[in-house]
Amino acid sequence: MRYRPVKALVCALFFVVGIVVTAAGLRDLKVSSGRWLRDFAIEPAIDGAERPPTPATATFSGRPYCGIAWLRTLPAFGSGSFRVTLDEIRFEDAGTPTGTLTISQYGEDTEIALSPGRTFSLDGTTVTALALRLYVGLWPDPTGVPMAGVSVRLRDLWIENLLVQSKQWLRLEDGPAVRFLWCGNEEEARRHVAAGRPGIESARWGVHDGGRTHWFGSFVPGAGVELSDGTIVTLVALDEAAIELDVSGPAGATRRRIQANTDDPLAVLEYPAFNADLLLLYAWEDGGALAAYLPKDGDSAHVQLAAGEEWAPEAGGIAVRLEQVSRAAVPVEAGQSAIFEALLQVGSSRVRVRQGEAVRVGDALLRFNIQEGPLFAHYGMTLASSSGNQIRFALTPDTPFSFSTAYGSFSLKHEDVHPGSGLTLRPEGVMLPVRLQIGALILAVAVMGLLLARRRPH
């Protein structure tokens, strides 16, 4: 009996302590109606300059949140305030661009909103927008050279926009050798087609010199070069399948025979017409060419193509699409272009309409203007504690960032960042502050003790 008052007193003291700790925990949940300049900041870094950060407001349950928290779940983060800083902003294209196709016909202009897959009718012919893409191909230039663009299908795989200059060869792995030749007129082009495989005039030979090759288009005996190490290489003879070279150096003179289209550390005879399947293009005006396919084993075939038309020779299992032909052009390779084009399927042909270009299809004139997709900002950010610990993260439209505090878990989304203004934190479930949890536990123990102390023994 004499211990009952002592137990009651102890429980009462626990009760008081529990109330004090609980009250302190409740103060941890304090919210503020103002901005916390020391706890939140958002400001892009520009040229490495250090500037006072622009204050930001983080919201919690719709109200500005005090920003004082324990970053217990972050490595080496202690209790105290934290700061979210915007380190950099990088803009990227957010999606597929759209455009406008203007059709000028019969004195009237019609505008069509264009996006991949859009289908419409042009003089009774179905037109489908296959793609809106960065331009790769030939750019007309008076200082340029005759060039052709062609696509080749090998085993159901299209190799797009192969660009080749006149008199040059383009070798395709496991496919034909492609050659383009600009002719003075149609009669000359047809004579080349009737002649079949080109002769030695289509070949060239070269001598390797370190990381470069000295090329020769002439097979006159005596042609040659002195290499950087003093070795002199001279052409001695030529037959149908090889060249003979005289090699004179410090160690003496030797004679070398180089077979056509073989790898040799000294020299090379590039003669695809000798032993390869051939795809030959002959043109005499812009926008069209005679195409001839000459397989090693099989009958040759030829056809006249306009730009955008396809041809599948019976022999060889390939298909050819003539993309472009120009008397004077320069190549625009992938990665070099900043303009777009609309790729249209018009009936059985493909039509390419480049920005700034007018393309005639029947009685209609087509012009294309791009409307690029919106640019999205990608944010590089830092979460820092008052003790100096940091976590860097990237915030994109598809990758939110989450972290935990003594108040619960929070997420920061792309749309929550407002450079120069502030940011918003979104709660992901509330976790009571530690002092509030300890206070509640002490109160529970105290109440339980008081109840037990008041019980009378039987």
Foldseek 3Di string as FASTA:
>chain_A
DVCLVVLLVVLVVLQVVLVVLLVVLVVVQDADQDFDLVFEFEAEQDPNDDDRGQTFFADDPRGGGPQFFAQVPDPPTGGGGKYKYFHHKDKDFDDFWKWWKWKQFPNDIDIDTGAAQDWDDDPNWIKGFHGKFFDFEWDFDPQFAWKFFKWKDDPNDIDGTDIDGALDWDDDVVAFIEHEHEDQDPVVQVVVVVVPQDALLSKWKWWDAVPDIHIDSDQDWQDWDQHPQRKTWTWHDDDRFWTKIWIQDPVGIDIDIEGAPDDDNTMHIDDRSRAGWYWYWYHHAWFKTKIKTRGPPDDIDIDIDGAFAKDDDPPDRMMMHTHITDRGTDTQHPPRGDWIWTWMCTHRGIDIATAPDWDDDPRITMHMDIDGGDMFMKTWMWMAGPVGDIDIDIAGQVDWDWGATQFAIWIFHSVQDDHPYHGYIYHPDTHRHPSSVVSVVSNVVSVVSNVVSPDDDD
